[in-house]
Amino acid sequence: MAANTKTSRKVARYAVPVAVAGVAAATVAMVPAFANAGGPDLPKVTAQQLIEKVAASDVEQLSGTAKISTDLGLPKIASGLLGGGGVTGGSANPEDKVAQLANGTHTLRVAADGEDRQKLTFLDGKDEYSLIHNGDDVWGYDSKSNEVFHEKASASDQGAGKGAGKEHKTGDRLNASPQKLAEEILAAAGPTTDVSVGETAQVAGRDAYQLVLKPKQSGSTVGSVQIAVDAKNGVPLRVQLLSAQGGKPIVDAGFTKVDFAKPSADTFTFTPPKGAKVTEGVDGHGKGDKDGAFKALESFPGLDGLAGGPGGKGDVKVLGEGWATIARIDSGAGKSLKDLENDKNAPKEAKQFLDSLGDKVNGSFGEGRVLSTRLFNVLVTDDGKVYAGAVTKDALVKAADANK
């Protein structure tokens, strides 16, 4: 989907180092979670005018509370790996929190003061996890484990001037405030998207318009995305993602309380507590790792051969465009699904993983299995190829047939 240049510039300015995920899309619910019955009476606007209002908003300071609920319909084994029990109690590395946000409901305190200062605190009972960006530093702190993660901008970035080229590799990948999610979605909206204005709403006590994005293409699992935009200042207040199959939102991320006053400076000050274990981020971590897509699979006992192991090809090809985009990955697997199914010595974890894949499918490409969720579907073929996207099972099979 082609990016809108003006909106893309706003994306960078609204960057809030927070953990979501991968989550990047969100949409319309029949009964919005934070909206009052019967929306406010607001002047009529067109979709173009509302997009321009978001792009023109100069709000860079805010604080408040937000809630993120995610229901991907993951298999039980995958939900367990994502740590549905909460966002605390583990490593302080922000990347470890991203996957956890892909499951369940989480409450966050949010604060921002321009591009150099943001703070997100994930609340889980009496325990908290905080992610703080203050100038050249990004800190992550897990109160339960008393662990701290620290990452600092490189020397070349620091000498480039304020905001110019700063590269916090962890913070830049973890963006999940309602307005940041909305900015990313708007930046990605292109010719494959139908954009309109929906019903008005009240979100966090503020009047809002609702911008509705729908796929023009068939085969997408996404029904629509609805973005609630503050009627006064153009700040996105809530993003919701609805499945094409209906039901409750797949993702529902929005403010429950928001204040646009400047947060106090000490909000973004952090000093590691006495006795805390501090881990420094590694420069370039996670960049250029062609095997990264298979590491989760390789972590299961007995599945390293299926994933192709460290010597796997890891070749990725993008098929289609827009909402119907499918990633085709050649794992270079040493084992086939049938080999694993027939292996009497295969560990039980490997068998459980196969069971979680669900439906067996076949076509001119051969045979395979499909892991289905409400948003993403993944087809693993018997010859080690993987087809994945926010598309239906039939769309994956058709892609596999055409690209065998």
Protein backbone atom coordinates (compact mmCIF):
# COMPACT_ATOMS: atom_id res chain seq x y z
CA MET A 1 0.00 0.00 0.00
CA ALA A 2 1.47 3.32 -1.04
CA ALA A 3 2.42 5.71 1.74
CA ASN A 4 1.09 9.25 1.99
CA THR A 5 4.20 11.47 2.24
CA LYS A 6 2.67 14.12 4.50
CA THR A 7 1.26 11.53 6.83
CA SER A 8 4.54 9.61 6.83
CA ARG A 9 6.34 12.66 8.21
CA LYS A 10 3.79 12.76 11.02
CA VAL A 11 4.47 9.08 11.74
CA ALA A 12 8.08 9.88 12.58
CA ARG A 13 7.11 12.79 14.81
CA TYR A 14 4.51 10.76 16.67
CA ALA A 15 6.88 7.86 17.30
CA VAL A 16 6.26 6.47 20.78
CA PRO A 17 8.57 3.60 21.77
CA VAL A 18 6.00 1.12 22.99
CA ALA A 19 5.26 -2.53 22.43
CA VAL A 20 2.48 -3.80 20.24
CA ALA A 21 2.35 -5.67 17.54
CA GLY A 22 3.34 -6.56 15.37
CA VAL A 23 0.31 -5.56 15.69
CA ALA A 24 -0.04 -2.77 13.41
CA ALA A 25 -3.57 -2.82 12.19
CA ALA A 26 -6.82 -2.18 14.05
CA THR A 27 -10.53 -1.64 13.15
CA VAL A 28 -14.24 -1.07 13.46
CA ALA A 29 -16.42 -2.73 16.07
CA MET A 30 -20.22 -2.74 15.83
CA VAL A 31 -20.34 -1.34 19.37
CA PRO A 32 -17.09 0.60 19.94
CA ALA A 33 -15.57 -0.34 23.29
CA PHE A 34 -14.96 3.24 24.44
CA ALA A 35 -17.82 5.00 22.67
CA ASN A 36 -21.05 6.21 24.23
CA ALA A 37 -24.39 5.15 22.76
CA GLY A 38 -25.38 7.77 20.20
CA GLY A 39 -22.47 9.82 18.92
CA PRO A 40 -22.14 13.62 19.30
CA ASP A 41 -23.56 15.98 16.69
CA LEU A 42 -20.54 17.27 14.76
CA PRO A 43 -20.13 19.25 11.52
CA LYS A 44 -19.97 17.04 8.44
CA VAL A 45 -16.51 16.30 7.05
CA THR A 46 -15.21 14.27 4.12
CA ALA A 47 -12.68 11.45 4.47
CA GLN A 48 -10.03 13.62 2.79
CA GLN A 49 -10.68 16.48 5.22
CA LEU A 50 -10.40 14.11 8.18
CA ILE A 51 -7.12 12.63 6.93
CA GLU A 52 -5.77 16.17 6.44
CA LYS A 53 -6.88 17.03 9.98
CA VAL A 54 -4.83 14.13 11.37
CA ALA A 55 -1.80 15.08 9.25
CA ALA A 56 -2.02 18.75 10.27
CA SER A 57 -2.33 18.09 14.00
CA ASP A 58 0.57 19.63 15.90
CA VAL A 59 -0.16 17.95 19.25
CA GLU A 60 3.06 16.45 20.61
CA GLN A 61 2.31 16.51 24.35
CA LEU A 62 -0.15 14.28 26.14
CA SER A 63 -0.65 11.90 29.03
CA GLY A 64 -3.35 9.43 29.91
CA THR A 65 -4.47 5.82 30.19
CA ALA A 66 -5.10 3.43 27.33
CA LYS A 67 -6.33 -0.13 26.96
CA ILE A 68 -5.26 -2.66 24.32
CA SER A 69 -7.28 -5.83 23.78
CA THR A 70 -6.17 -8.45 21.26
CA ASP A 71 -8.09 -11.58 20.27
CA LEU A 72 -6.29 -13.32 17.42
CA GLY A 73 -7.91 -16.68 18.12
CA LEU A 74 -4.53 -18.33 18.51
CA PRO A 75 -4.16 -22.07 19.15
CA LYS A 76 -3.62 -22.94 22.81
CA ILE A 77 0.04 -23.84 22.29
CA ALA A 78 0.74 -20.47 20.64
CA SER A 79 -1.15 -18.54 23.32
CA GLY A 80 1.03 -20.16 25.95
CA LEU A 81 4.18 -19.09 24.15
CA LEU A 82 2.91 -15.51 24.03
CA GLY A 83 2.57 -15.37 27.79
CA GLY A 84 -1.09 -14.48 28.12
CA GLY A 85 -0.72 -14.20 31.86
CA GLY A 86 0.57 -10.62 31.75
CA VAL A 87 3.37 -8.34 30.65
CA THR A 88 5.54 -8.59 33.76
CA GLY A 89 7.65 -11.22 35.40
CA GLY A 90 10.24 -11.81 32.68
CA SER A 91 13.10 -10.10 30.92
CA ALA A 92 13.18 -6.29 30.78
CA ASN A 93 13.97 -6.40 27.05
CA PRO A 94 11.07 -4.57 25.32
CA GLU A 95 11.03 -7.13 22.51
CA ASP A 96 9.95 -9.78 25.00
CA LYS A 97 6.84 -7.73 25.74
CA VAL A 98 5.77 -7.32 22.11
CA ALA A 99 4.53 -10.89 21.65
CA GLN A 100 2.66 -10.74 24.96
CA LEU A 101 0.62 -7.79 23.73
CA ALA A 102 -0.64 -10.00 20.90
CA ASN A 103 -2.78 -11.86 23.42
CA GLY A 104 -5.32 -10.70 26.01
CA THR A 105 -6.09 -7.27 27.48
CA HIS A 106 -3.53 -4.81 28.82
CA THR A 107 -3.77 -1.39 30.45
CA LEU A 108 -1.14 1.28 29.83
CA ARG A 109 -0.21 4.70 31.15
CA VAL A 110 0.99 6.90 28.31
CA ALA A 111 3.00 10.15 28.33
CA ALA A 112 4.67 12.06 25.48
CA ASP A 113 6.53 15.36 25.15
CA GLY A 114 7.73 15.71 21.58
CA GLU A 115 9.88 13.31 19.59
CA ASP A 116 12.56 12.87 22.26
CA ARG A 117 10.50 11.99 25.33
CA GLN A 118 7.88 9.26 25.64
CA LYS A 119 6.91 6.81 28.35
CA LEU A 120 4.68 3.77 28.37
CA THR A 121 3.89 1.86 31.56
CA PHE A 122 2.14 -1.50 31.31
CA LEU A 123 0.08 -2.24 34.40
CA ASP A 124 -0.42 -5.79 35.66
CA GLY A 125 -1.82 -5.66 39.17
CA LYS A 126 0.83 -4.44 41.58
CA ASP A 127 3.58 -5.12 39.04
CA GLU A 128 4.58 -2.75 36.25
CA TYR A 129 6.70 -2.71 33.13
CA SER A 130 7.91 0.70 31.91
CA LEU A 131 9.46 1.71 28.61
CA ILE A 132 11.01 5.20 28.66
CA HIS A 133 12.56 7.18 25.82
CA ASN A 134 14.41 10.27 27.06
CA GLY A 135 16.77 11.95 24.61
CA ASP A 136 19.51 9.50 23.62
CA ASP A 137 18.39 6.80 26.05
CA VAL A 138 15.75 4.08 25.94
CA TRP A 139 15.07 2.25 29.21
CA GLY A 140 12.95 -0.81 29.91
CA TYR A 141 12.19 -1.78 33.52
CA ASP A 142 10.36 -4.84 34.83
CA SER A 143 9.39 -4.29 38.49
CA LYS A 144 8.66 -7.93 39.25
CA SER A 145 12.04 -9.29 38.12
CA ASN A 146 13.87 -6.04 39.00
CA GLU A 147 15.58 -6.13 35.59
CA VAL A 148 16.54 -3.13 33.45
CA PHE A 149 17.17 -2.92 29.71
CA HIS A 150 19.15 0.08 28.38
CA GLU A 151 19.88 1.19 24.85
CA LYS A 152 21.71 4.37 23.84
CA ALA A 153 21.91 6.14 20.48
CA SER A 154 25.21 5.54 18.70
CA ALA A 155 27.91 8.23 18.72
CA SER A 156 27.22 9.07 15.06
CA ASP A 157 23.53 9.51 15.78
CA GLN A 158 24.22 11.76 18.77
CA GLY A 159 26.34 14.06 16.63
CA ALA A 160 23.69 14.44 13.95
CA GLY A 161 21.65 17.02 15.83
CA LYS A 162 18.31 16.88 17.61
CA GLY A 163 16.06 14.19 16.22
CA ALA A 164 18.21 13.81 13.10
CA GLY A 165 18.92 10.21 12.26
CA LYS A 166 18.65 8.93 15.84
CA GLU A 167 18.32 5.21 15.72
CA HIS A 168 17.03 3.43 18.81
CA LYS A 169 16.77 -0.02 17.30
CA THR A 170 14.58 -1.32 20.11
CA GLY A 171 12.41 1.75 20.63
CA ASP A 172 11.78 2.37 16.94
CA ARG A 173 10.40 -1.14 16.50
CA LEU A 174 8.03 -0.90 19.46
CA ASN A 175 5.32 1.56 18.56
CA ALA A 176 1.89 1.11 20.12
CA SER A 177 0.02 4.16 21.30
CA PRO A 178 -3.42 4.63 19.68
CA GLN A 179 -2.22 7.64 17.67
CA LYS A 180 0.91 5.83 16.48
CA LEU A 181 -1.09 2.82 15.31
CA ALA A 182 -3.46 5.13 13.45
CA GLU A 183 -0.62 7.05 11.79
CA GLU A 184 0.96 3.83 10.53
CA ILE A 185 -2.35 2.62 9.11
CA LEU A 186 -3.05 5.92 7.35
CA ALA A 187 0.49 5.99 5.95
CA ALA A 188 -0.08 2.53 4.47
CA ALA A 189 -3.54 3.21 3.02
CA GLY A 190 -3.39 3.23 -0.78
CA PRO A 191 -5.40 2.36 -3.90
CA THR A 192 -6.47 -1.01 -2.46
CA THR A 193 -8.30 0.75 0.42
CA ASP A 194 -11.75 2.31 0.50
CA VAL A 195 -11.77 5.24 2.97
CA SER A 196 -14.94 6.82 4.37
CA VAL A 197 -16.29 8.65 7.43
CA GLY A 198 -18.38 6.58 9.85
CA GLU A 199 -20.56 7.50 12.82
CA THR A 200 -19.33 10.01 15.39
CA ALA A 201 -18.35 8.78 18.86
CA GLN A 202 -17.09 9.84 22.26
CA VAL A 203 -13.74 8.38 23.28
CA ALA A 204 -12.16 9.11 26.66
CA GLY A 205 -14.78 11.83 27.13
CA ARG A 206 -13.87 13.65 23.89
CA ASP A 207 -15.97 14.10 20.74
CA ALA A 208 -14.54 12.19 17.79
CA TYR A 209 -15.07 11.46 14.12
CA GLN A 210 -14.50 7.91 12.93
CA LEU A 211 -12.46 7.21 9.81
CA VAL A 212 -13.28 3.81 8.29
CA LEU A 213 -10.85 1.89 6.07
CA LYS A 214 -12.03 -1.20 4.16
CA PRO A 215 -10.17 -3.52 1.79
CA LYS A 216 -11.32 -3.26 -1.83
CA GLN A 217 -9.82 -6.68 -2.58
CA SER A 218 -11.41 -10.03 -1.86
CA GLY A 219 -9.69 -12.67 0.22
CA SER A 220 -8.60 -10.48 3.15
CA THR A 221 -9.38 -11.55 6.72
CA VAL A 222 -9.76 -7.87 7.67
CA GLY A 223 -13.29 -6.51 7.56
CA SER A 224 -12.42 -2.90 8.30
CA VAL A 225 -10.31 -0.54 10.37
CA GLN A 226 -11.95 2.29 12.31
CA ILE A 227 -9.92 5.19 13.67
CA ALA A 228 -11.55 7.60 16.13
CA VAL A 229 -10.11 11.09 15.56
CA ASP A 230 -10.39 13.90 18.13
CA ALA A 231 -12.79 16.42 16.58
CA LYS A 232 -10.90 19.36 18.08
CA ASN A 233 -7.20 18.65 17.61
CA GLY A 234 -7.03 15.76 15.11
CA VAL A 235 -5.28 13.27 17.42
CA PRO A 236 -6.29 9.61 16.86
CA LEU A 237 -7.86 8.39 20.10
CA ARG A 238 -8.73 4.80 19.28
CA VAL A 239 -8.02 2.17 16.62
CA GLN A 240 -10.09 -0.97 16.16
CA LEU A 241 -9.69 -3.95 13.84
CA LEU A 242 -12.68 -6.10 12.88
CA SER A 243 -12.56 -9.50 11.25
CA ALA A 244 -14.26 -10.07 7.91
CA GLN A 245 -16.06 -12.93 9.67
CA GLY A 246 -17.57 -10.60 12.28
CA GLY A 247 -17.48 -10.94 16.06
CA LYS A 248 -15.67 -8.80 18.59
CA PRO A 249 -12.68 -6.71 17.46
CA ILE A 250 -9.44 -8.53 16.77
CA VAL A 251 -7.57 -5.51 18.10
CA ASP A 252 -9.05 -2.68 20.17
CA ALA A 253 -6.56 0.00 21.23
CA GLY A 254 -7.75 3.30 22.65
CA PHE A 255 -7.47 5.94 25.32
CA THR A 256 -9.80 5.66 28.29
CA LYS A 257 -8.45 8.95 29.68
CA VAL A 258 -6.34 11.62 27.97
CA ASP A 259 -4.94 15.07 28.82
CA PHE A 260 -3.09 17.24 26.29
CA ALA A 261 -1.16 19.30 28.85
CA LYS A 262 2.66 19.07 28.95
CA PRO A 263 3.79 16.21 31.25
CA SER A 264 6.27 17.13 33.98
CA ALA A 265 9.95 16.64 33.04
CA ASP A 266 10.55 14.06 35.78
CA THR A 267 8.00 11.77 34.11
CA PHE A 268 10.76 10.72 31.72
CA THR A 269 13.59 10.49 34.24
CA PHE A 270 14.78 7.01 35.08
CA THR A 271 17.54 5.69 37.34
CA PRO A 272 18.01 1.92 37.71
CA PRO A 273 16.90 0.80 41.20
CA LYS A 274 19.53 -0.47 43.61
CA GLY A 275 20.33 -4.11 43.00
CA ALA A 276 18.64 -4.22 39.58
CA LYS A 277 20.24 -6.28 36.82
CA VAL A 278 21.02 -3.97 33.88
CA THR A 279 21.39 -5.33 30.34
CA GLU A 280 22.81 -3.09 27.63
CA GLY A 281 21.24 -3.32 24.17
CA VAL A 282 23.45 -4.64 21.39
CA ASP A 283 24.01 -2.29 18.48
CA GLY A 284 22.44 -3.68 15.33
CA HIS A 285 20.54 -6.38 17.21
CA GLY A 286 17.99 -8.10 15.01
CA LYS A 287 19.19 -6.49 11.77
CA GLY A 288 19.95 -8.55 8.72
CA ASP A 289 19.14 -11.87 10.34
CA LYS A 290 17.76 -13.90 7.47
CA ASP A 291 17.07 -16.87 9.74
CA GLY A 292 15.00 -14.86 12.21
CA ALA A 293 11.69 -16.00 10.75
CA PHE A 294 12.49 -19.60 11.65
CA LYS A 295 13.91 -19.22 15.16
CA ALA A 296 10.55 -19.66 16.86
CA LEU A 297 9.97 -22.89 14.95
CA GLU A 298 13.48 -24.12 15.63
CA SER A 299 12.95 -23.63 19.36
CA PHE A 300 10.57 -26.61 19.41
CA PRO A 301 12.39 -29.90 20.07
CA GLY A 302 12.50 -31.94 16.88
CA LEU A 303 11.51 -29.10 14.54
CA ASP A 304 14.95 -27.77 13.64
CA GLY A 305 15.04 -29.96 10.53
CA LEU A 306 11.57 -28.86 9.49
CA ALA A 307 12.60 -25.21 9.68
CA GLY A 308 15.76 -25.81 7.71
CA GLY A 309 17.98 -24.87 10.65
CA PRO A 310 20.68 -22.19 10.51
CA GLY A 311 21.54 -23.36 6.98
CA GLY A 312 18.01 -22.83 5.66
CA LYS A 313 17.55 -20.61 2.63
CA GLY A 314 15.17 -18.18 4.26
CA ASP A 315 14.29 -16.75 0.85
CA VAL A 316 11.27 -14.43 1.05
CA LYS A 317 9.10 -13.40 -1.89
CA VAL A 318 6.16 -11.00 -1.63
CA LEU A 319 3.08 -11.99 -3.61
CA GLY A 320 0.20 -9.64 -4.39
CA GLU A 321 -0.34 -6.19 -2.93
CA GLY A 322 -2.31 -4.23 -0.38
CA TRP A 323 -4.62 -6.16 1.91
CA ALA A 324 -4.11 -9.33 -0.16
CA THR A 325 -0.31 -9.42 0.29
CA ILE A 326 1.16 -12.88 0.96
CA ALA A 327 4.73 -13.65 2.02
CA ARG A 328 6.22 -16.80 0.47
CA ILE A 329 9.15 -18.16 2.49
CA ASP A 330 11.39 -21.00 1.36
CA SER A 331 12.79 -22.53 4.54
CA GLY A 332 15.07 -24.96 2.74
CA ALA A 333 13.74 -27.59 5.15
CA GLY A 334 15.61 -30.81 5.61
CA LYS A 335 12.45 -32.63 6.76
CA SER A 336 8.92 -32.65 5.42
CA LEU A 337 5.70 -32.57 7.45
CA LYS A 338 5.13 -36.22 6.57
CA ASP A 339 8.60 -37.13 7.82
CA LEU A 340 7.78 -35.56 11.16
CA GLU A 341 4.32 -37.13 11.36
CA ASN A 342 5.78 -40.60 10.74
CA ASP A 343 8.77 -40.19 13.05
CA LYS A 344 8.04 -42.36 16.11
CA ASN A 345 10.96 -40.77 17.95
CA ALA A 346 9.79 -37.18 17.42
CA PRO A 347 9.40 -35.27 20.73
CA LYS A 348 5.85 -34.70 21.95
CA GLU A 349 6.31 -30.93 21.59
CA ALA A 350 6.81 -31.41 17.85
CA LYS A 351 3.66 -33.51 17.61
CA GLN A 352 1.71 -30.89 19.58
CA PHE A 353 2.90 -28.21 17.19
CA LEU A 354 1.70 -30.21 14.20
CA ASP A 355 -1.67 -30.76 15.86
CA SER A 356 -1.98 -27.00 16.42
CA LEU A 357 -1.48 -26.38 12.70
CA GLY A 358 -4.99 -27.68 12.12
CA ASP A 359 -6.45 -28.37 8.69
CA LYS A 360 -4.65 -30.46 6.12
CA VAL A 361 -4.94 -29.02 2.62
CA ASN A 362 -3.83 -30.07 -0.83
CA GLY A 363 -3.61 -28.66 -4.31
CA SER A 364 -1.39 -28.71 -7.36
CA PHE A 365 1.41 -27.55 -5.02
CA GLY A 366 1.17 -30.81 -3.08
CA GLU A 367 0.07 -31.14 0.54
CA GLY A 368 0.37 -29.00 3.63
CA ARG A 369 -1.21 -27.75 6.84
CA VAL A 370 -2.77 -24.41 7.74
CA LEU A 371 -2.37 -22.56 11.03
CA SER A 372 -5.44 -20.35 11.31
CA THR A 373 -6.12 -17.30 13.47
CA ARG A 374 -8.75 -14.58 13.16
CA LEU A 375 -6.26 -12.29 11.44
CA PHE A 376 -3.30 -14.23 10.02
CA ASN A 377 -3.26 -17.58 8.28
CA VAL A 378 -0.11 -19.60 7.56
CA LEU A 379 0.23 -22.49 5.12
CA VAL A 380 3.20 -24.82 5.65
CA THR A 381 3.68 -27.07 2.63
CA ASP A 382 5.15 -30.54 2.77
CA ASP A 383 8.24 -29.41 0.84
CA GLY A 384 9.14 -26.72 3.40
CA LYS A 385 7.59 -23.60 1.90
CA VAL A 386 5.56 -21.19 4.03
CA TYR A 387 2.80 -18.87 2.77
CA ALA A 388 1.56 -16.29 5.28
CA GLY A 389 -0.71 -13.27 5.27
CA ALA A 390 -3.88 -11.61 6.54
CA VAL A 391 -5.81 -13.56 3.94
CA THR A 392 -8.13 -16.55 3.90
CA LYS A 393 -7.03 -20.19 3.74
CA ASP A 394 -8.34 -20.42 0.16
CA ALA A 395 -6.20 -17.44 -0.85
CA LEU A 396 -3.09 -19.15 0.54
CA VAL A 397 -3.82 -22.39 -1.32
CA LYS A 398 -4.39 -20.44 -4.54
CA ALA A 399 -1.06 -18.61 -4.04
CA ALA A 400 0.75 -21.90 -3.39
CA ASP A 401 -0.71 -23.42 -6.55
CA ALA A 402 0.39 -20.45 -8.62
CA ASN A 403 3.89 -20.25 -7.14
CA LYS A 404 4.86 -23.89 -6.55
